[in-house]
Amino acid sequence: MTPMNPMIPPAAQIRLVSQFARIAIEAQMVIGLRMAGMMGLMTQAPGEPFLMIAEKQAAASEALYAMASAGMRGHSTERMLSAGMRPYGRRTRANSRRLTVVK
C-alpha cells in the first residue's frame, strides 16, 4: 500500500484556482447588486435580506457534507476541495443570474 500523496498536481491546482476565482467574482457581483437593492438603487425582492442569511447556512452544511462524503469515499484532496466549493458555486451562479435579470 502506498502512502497518500499530499501534493496536488499542477493541473488540479489550476482547476481549483479557476473554480475559486469564478465563485469570488460572482460573489462580489451578488454583494454589489444586493447592496444596490438595499440602498434603493434597484428593485429587490422583499425577502432578499432573509435569503442572504438562509442560503449561507444551507451552502455551508452542503459543502461540509460534500467534503466529508468525498473523503469517506477515498477521493483525493483536490476532489474534496472541489466538492466543498461546488455548493457555493451553484448559489453564486444562481444569484448572479437572478439578480441581473432586467425587470
N, C-alpha and C. Protein backbone atom coordinates (compact mmCIF):
# COMPACT_ATOMS: atom_id res chain seq x y z
N MET A 1 0.84 -1.17 0.00
CA MET A 1 0.00 0.00 0.00
C MET A 1 0.89 1.24 0.00
N THR A 2 0.59 2.16 -0.89
CA THR A 2 1.39 3.38 -0.97
C THR A 2 0.76 4.47 -0.13
N PRO A 3 1.59 5.30 0.49
CA PRO A 3 1.04 6.40 1.29
C PRO A 3 0.38 7.44 0.40
N MET A 4 -0.59 8.17 0.96
CA MET A 4 -1.28 9.21 0.18
C MET A 4 -0.30 10.31 -0.17
N ASN A 5 -0.43 10.82 -1.37
CA ASN A 5 0.41 11.92 -1.82
C ASN A 5 -0.26 13.23 -1.45
N PRO A 6 0.35 14.02 -0.54
CA PRO A 6 -0.30 15.26 -0.12
C PRO A 6 -0.22 16.37 -1.18
N MET A 7 0.57 16.16 -2.20
CA MET A 7 0.72 17.19 -3.23
C MET A 7 -0.44 17.15 -4.21
N ILE A 8 -0.91 18.33 -4.59
CA ILE A 8 -1.96 18.43 -5.60
C ILE A 8 -1.27 18.73 -6.92
N PRO A 9 -1.53 17.94 -7.96
CA PRO A 9 -0.88 18.16 -9.25
C PRO A 9 -1.18 19.55 -9.82
N PRO A 10 -0.27 20.12 -10.62
CA PRO A 10 -0.45 21.47 -11.16
C PRO A 10 -1.76 21.67 -11.93
N ALA A 11 -2.18 20.68 -12.73
CA ALA A 11 -3.43 20.84 -13.49
C ALA A 11 -4.62 20.93 -12.54
N ALA A 12 -4.58 20.15 -11.46
CA ALA A 12 -5.66 20.20 -10.47
C ALA A 12 -5.65 21.54 -9.74
N GLN A 13 -4.45 22.07 -9.48
CA GLN A 13 -4.36 23.37 -8.83
C GLN A 13 -4.98 24.45 -9.70
N ILE A 14 -4.75 24.39 -10.99
CA ILE A 14 -5.32 25.38 -11.91
C ILE A 14 -6.84 25.26 -11.92
N ARG A 15 -7.36 24.04 -11.92
CA ARG A 15 -8.82 23.86 -11.87
C ARG A 15 -9.40 24.42 -10.59
N LEU A 16 -8.75 24.17 -9.46
CA LEU A 16 -9.24 24.69 -8.18
C LEU A 16 -9.20 26.21 -8.15
N VAL A 17 -8.10 26.79 -8.62
CA VAL A 17 -7.98 28.25 -8.61
C VAL A 17 -9.00 28.89 -9.53
N SER A 18 -9.25 28.30 -10.69
CA SER A 18 -10.24 28.88 -11.59
C SER A 18 -11.65 28.73 -11.01
N GLN A 19 -11.93 27.62 -10.35
CA GLN A 19 -13.23 27.44 -9.70
C GLN A 19 -13.41 28.47 -8.59
N PHE A 20 -12.38 28.66 -7.80
CA PHE A 20 -12.44 29.63 -6.71
C PHE A 20 -12.56 31.06 -7.25
N ALA A 21 -11.83 31.38 -8.30
CA ALA A 21 -11.88 32.74 -8.88
C ALA A 21 -13.28 33.04 -9.43
N ARG A 22 -13.90 32.07 -10.09
CA ARG A 22 -15.25 32.29 -10.62
C ARG A 22 -16.22 32.54 -9.48
N ILE A 23 -16.12 31.75 -8.41
CA ILE A 23 -17.00 31.94 -7.27
C ILE A 23 -16.77 33.31 -6.64
N ALA A 24 -15.51 33.71 -6.51
CA ALA A 24 -15.20 35.00 -5.90
C ALA A 24 -15.74 36.16 -6.72
N ILE A 25 -15.60 36.09 -8.03
CA ILE A 25 -16.09 37.17 -8.90
C ILE A 25 -17.61 37.24 -8.83
N GLU A 26 -18.28 36.10 -8.92
CA GLU A 26 -19.74 36.10 -8.86
C GLU A 26 -20.23 36.56 -7.49
N ALA A 27 -19.53 36.17 -6.42
CA ALA A 27 -19.94 36.59 -5.07
C ALA A 27 -19.83 38.10 -4.92
N GLN A 28 -18.76 38.70 -5.46
CA GLN A 28 -18.63 40.16 -5.38
C GLN A 28 -19.73 40.86 -6.16
N MET A 29 -20.10 40.29 -7.29
CA MET A 29 -21.18 40.87 -8.08
C MET A 29 -22.50 40.78 -7.31
N VAL A 30 -22.77 39.65 -6.68
CA VAL A 30 -24.00 39.47 -5.91
C VAL A 30 -24.03 40.45 -4.74
N ILE A 31 -22.91 40.62 -4.05
CA ILE A 31 -22.84 41.55 -2.93
C ILE A 31 -23.16 42.97 -3.40
N GLY A 32 -22.56 43.37 -4.51
CA GLY A 32 -22.82 44.71 -5.05
C GLY A 32 -24.26 44.91 -5.44
N LEU A 33 -24.86 43.91 -6.09
CA LEU A 33 -26.25 44.02 -6.50
C LEU A 33 -27.19 44.05 -5.30
N ARG A 34 -26.90 43.27 -4.30
CA ARG A 34 -27.74 43.28 -3.10
C ARG A 34 -27.60 44.60 -2.34
N MET A 35 -26.42 45.14 -2.28
CA MET A 35 -26.23 46.44 -1.62
C MET A 35 -26.98 47.53 -2.37
N ALA A 36 -26.93 47.48 -3.70
CA ALA A 36 -27.67 48.45 -4.50
C ALA A 36 -29.16 48.31 -4.26
N GLY A 37 -29.64 47.09 -4.10
CA GLY A 37 -31.05 46.88 -3.79
C GLY A 37 -31.43 47.40 -2.42
N MET A 38 -30.55 47.22 -1.43
CA MET A 38 -30.83 47.72 -0.08
C MET A 38 -30.82 49.24 -0.03
N MET A 39 -30.02 49.87 -0.88
CA MET A 39 -29.97 51.34 -0.91
C MET A 39 -31.09 51.93 -1.75
N GLY A 40 -31.86 51.08 -2.41
CA GLY A 40 -32.97 51.55 -3.22
C GLY A 40 -32.58 51.96 -4.63
N LEU A 41 -31.39 51.62 -5.06
CA LEU A 41 -30.95 51.97 -6.40
C LEU A 41 -31.53 51.05 -7.46
N MET A 42 -32.01 49.89 -7.04
CA MET A 42 -32.65 48.95 -7.97
C MET A 42 -33.71 48.17 -7.21
N THR A 43 -34.65 47.61 -7.94
CA THR A 43 -35.71 46.85 -7.28
C THR A 43 -35.16 45.55 -6.72
N GLN A 44 -35.72 45.17 -5.59
CA GLN A 44 -35.24 43.98 -4.90
C GLN A 44 -36.45 43.24 -4.35
N ALA A 45 -36.40 41.94 -4.37
CA ALA A 45 -37.48 41.12 -3.81
C ALA A 45 -37.60 41.38 -2.31
N PRO A 46 -38.80 41.34 -1.76
CA PRO A 46 -38.98 41.64 -0.34
C PRO A 46 -38.20 40.69 0.59
N GLY A 47 -38.05 39.45 0.24
CA GLY A 47 -37.37 38.50 1.11
C GLY A 47 -35.87 38.38 0.87
N GLU A 48 -35.29 39.26 0.10
CA GLU A 48 -33.86 39.15 -0.26
C GLU A 48 -32.93 39.20 0.94
N PRO A 49 -33.12 40.10 1.92
CA PRO A 49 -32.22 40.09 3.09
C PRO A 49 -32.26 38.77 3.86
N PHE A 50 -33.45 38.19 4.02
CA PHE A 50 -33.55 36.90 4.70
C PHE A 50 -32.87 35.81 3.89
N LEU A 51 -33.06 35.85 2.58
CA LEU A 51 -32.47 34.85 1.70
C LEU A 51 -30.94 34.87 1.78
N MET A 52 -30.37 36.08 1.94
CA MET A 52 -28.91 36.21 2.06
C MET A 52 -28.38 35.35 3.19
N ILE A 53 -29.06 35.40 4.33
CA ILE A 53 -28.59 34.67 5.51
C ILE A 53 -28.90 33.18 5.39
N ALA A 54 -30.11 32.86 4.99
CA ALA A 54 -30.55 31.46 4.95
C ALA A 54 -29.71 30.63 3.98
N GLU A 55 -29.36 31.21 2.82
CA GLU A 55 -28.63 30.42 1.84
C GLU A 55 -27.19 30.14 2.28
N LYS A 56 -26.62 31.00 3.09
CA LYS A 56 -25.25 30.75 3.57
C LYS A 56 -25.20 29.54 4.49
N GLN A 57 -26.19 29.41 5.35
CA GLN A 57 -26.24 28.27 6.25
C GLN A 57 -26.41 26.97 5.47
N ALA A 58 -27.30 26.99 4.49
CA ALA A 58 -27.53 25.78 3.69
C ALA A 58 -26.28 25.42 2.87
N ALA A 59 -25.63 26.43 2.29
CA ALA A 59 -24.44 26.17 1.48
C ALA A 59 -23.31 25.61 2.34
N ALA A 60 -23.15 26.15 3.55
CA ALA A 60 -22.08 25.66 4.44
C ALA A 60 -22.31 24.20 4.82
N SER A 61 -23.54 23.85 5.16
CA SER A 61 -23.80 22.47 5.54
C SER A 61 -23.65 21.53 4.33
N GLU A 62 -24.10 21.97 3.15
CA GLU A 62 -23.92 21.14 1.95
C GLU A 62 -22.45 20.96 1.62
N ALA A 63 -21.66 22.03 1.78
CA ALA A 63 -20.23 21.94 1.48
C ALA A 63 -19.53 20.98 2.43
N LEU A 64 -19.83 21.08 3.71
CA LEU A 64 -19.22 20.17 4.67
C LEU A 64 -19.61 18.71 4.39
N TYR A 65 -20.87 18.49 4.07
CA TYR A 65 -21.33 17.14 3.75
C TYR A 65 -20.63 16.61 2.49
N ALA A 66 -20.50 17.46 1.47
CA ALA A 66 -19.86 17.03 0.22
C ALA A 66 -18.39 16.69 0.45
N MET A 67 -17.70 17.51 1.25
CA MET A 67 -16.29 17.23 1.52
C MET A 67 -16.13 15.95 2.33
N ALA A 68 -16.98 15.78 3.33
CA ALA A 68 -16.90 14.57 4.15
C ALA A 68 -17.22 13.33 3.32
N SER A 69 -18.21 13.43 2.45
CA SER A 69 -18.57 12.29 1.60
C SER A 69 -17.42 11.93 0.67
N ALA A 70 -16.81 12.94 0.07
CA ALA A 70 -15.69 12.68 -0.83
C ALA A 70 -14.52 12.06 -0.07
N GLY A 71 -14.27 12.55 1.13
CA GLY A 71 -13.19 11.99 1.94
C GLY A 71 -13.44 10.56 2.35
N MET A 72 -14.68 10.27 2.71
CA MET A 72 -15.03 8.90 3.12
C MET A 72 -14.96 7.92 1.96
N ARG A 73 -15.16 8.43 0.73
CA ARG A 73 -15.06 7.56 -0.44
C ARG A 73 -13.62 7.40 -0.89
N GLY A 74 -12.69 8.09 -0.23
CA GLY A 74 -11.27 7.93 -0.54
C GLY A 74 -10.78 8.80 -1.68
N HIS A 75 -11.52 9.86 -2.00
CA HIS A 75 -11.10 10.74 -3.09
C HIS A 75 -9.88 11.58 -2.68
N SER A 76 -9.25 12.15 -3.67
CA SER A 76 -8.06 12.95 -3.43
C SER A 76 -8.43 14.28 -2.76
N THR A 77 -7.41 14.96 -2.28
CA THR A 77 -7.61 16.26 -1.65
C THR A 77 -8.23 17.24 -2.62
N GLU A 78 -7.78 17.21 -3.85
CA GLU A 78 -8.32 18.12 -4.87
C GLU A 78 -9.80 17.89 -5.08
N ARG A 79 -10.23 16.64 -5.13
CA ARG A 79 -11.65 16.34 -5.34
C ARG A 79 -12.46 16.71 -4.11
N MET A 80 -11.88 16.59 -2.93
CA MET A 80 -12.59 17.00 -1.72
C MET A 80 -12.79 18.52 -1.71
N LEU A 81 -11.75 19.26 -2.05
CA LEU A 81 -11.87 20.72 -2.10
C LEU A 81 -12.86 21.16 -3.16
N SER A 82 -12.80 20.54 -4.31
CA SER A 82 -13.72 20.88 -5.39
C SER A 82 -15.16 20.58 -4.98
N ALA A 83 -15.38 19.46 -4.32
CA ALA A 83 -16.73 19.10 -3.86
C ALA A 83 -17.23 20.11 -2.83
N GLY A 84 -16.34 20.61 -2.00
CA GLY A 84 -16.72 21.60 -1.00
C GLY A 84 -17.07 22.95 -1.60
N MET A 85 -16.45 23.30 -2.71
CA MET A 85 -16.74 24.60 -3.34
C MET A 85 -17.98 24.54 -4.23
N ARG A 86 -18.37 23.36 -4.67
CA ARG A 86 -19.49 23.23 -5.60
C ARG A 86 -20.80 23.83 -5.10
N PRO A 87 -21.23 23.61 -3.84
CA PRO A 87 -22.48 24.23 -3.38
C PRO A 87 -22.42 25.76 -3.40
N TYR A 88 -21.29 26.33 -3.04
CA TYR A 88 -21.15 27.78 -3.10
C TYR A 88 -21.20 28.27 -4.55
N GLY A 89 -20.56 27.55 -5.44
CA GLY A 89 -20.57 27.93 -6.85
C GLY A 89 -21.96 27.91 -7.46
N ARG A 90 -22.74 26.89 -7.09
CA ARG A 90 -24.12 26.83 -7.60
C ARG A 90 -24.93 28.03 -7.13
N ARG A 91 -24.75 28.39 -5.87
CA ARG A 91 -25.53 29.52 -5.33
C ARG A 91 -25.07 30.86 -5.90
N THR A 92 -23.77 31.07 -6.00
CA THR A 92 -23.33 32.35 -6.55
C THR A 92 -23.75 32.50 -8.01
N ARG A 93 -23.68 31.42 -8.78
CA ARG A 93 -24.11 31.48 -10.18
C ARG A 93 -25.60 31.77 -10.27
N ALA A 94 -26.40 31.08 -9.48
CA ALA A 94 -27.85 31.28 -9.50
C ALA A 94 -28.22 32.69 -9.04
N ASN A 95 -27.56 33.18 -7.99
CA ASN A 95 -27.86 34.53 -7.50
C ASN A 95 -27.46 35.60 -8.50
N SER A 96 -26.31 35.46 -9.12
CA SER A 96 -25.89 36.48 -10.09
C SER A 96 -26.83 36.50 -11.28
N ARG A 97 -27.29 35.34 -11.73
CA ARG A 97 -28.24 35.30 -12.83
C ARG A 97 -29.59 35.89 -12.41
N ARG A 98 -30.04 35.54 -11.22
CA ARG A 98 -31.35 36.01 -10.76
C ARG A 98 -31.36 37.51 -10.53
N LEU A 99 -30.29 38.04 -9.96
CA LEU A 99 -30.25 39.47 -9.62
C LEU A 99 -29.97 40.36 -10.82
N THR A 100 -29.42 39.82 -11.89
CA THR A 100 -29.13 40.66 -13.06
C THR A 100 -30.24 40.64 -14.11
N VAL A 101 -31.31 39.90 -13.84
CA VAL A 101 -32.45 39.86 -14.77
C VAL A 101 -33.12 41.23 -14.77
N VAL A 102 -33.33 41.80 -15.96
CA VAL A 102 -33.98 43.09 -16.08
C VAL A 102 -35.47 42.91 -15.82
N LYS A 103 -35.99 43.72 -14.90
CA LYS A 103 -37.41 43.59 -14.54
C LYS A 103 -38.22 44.74 -15.09
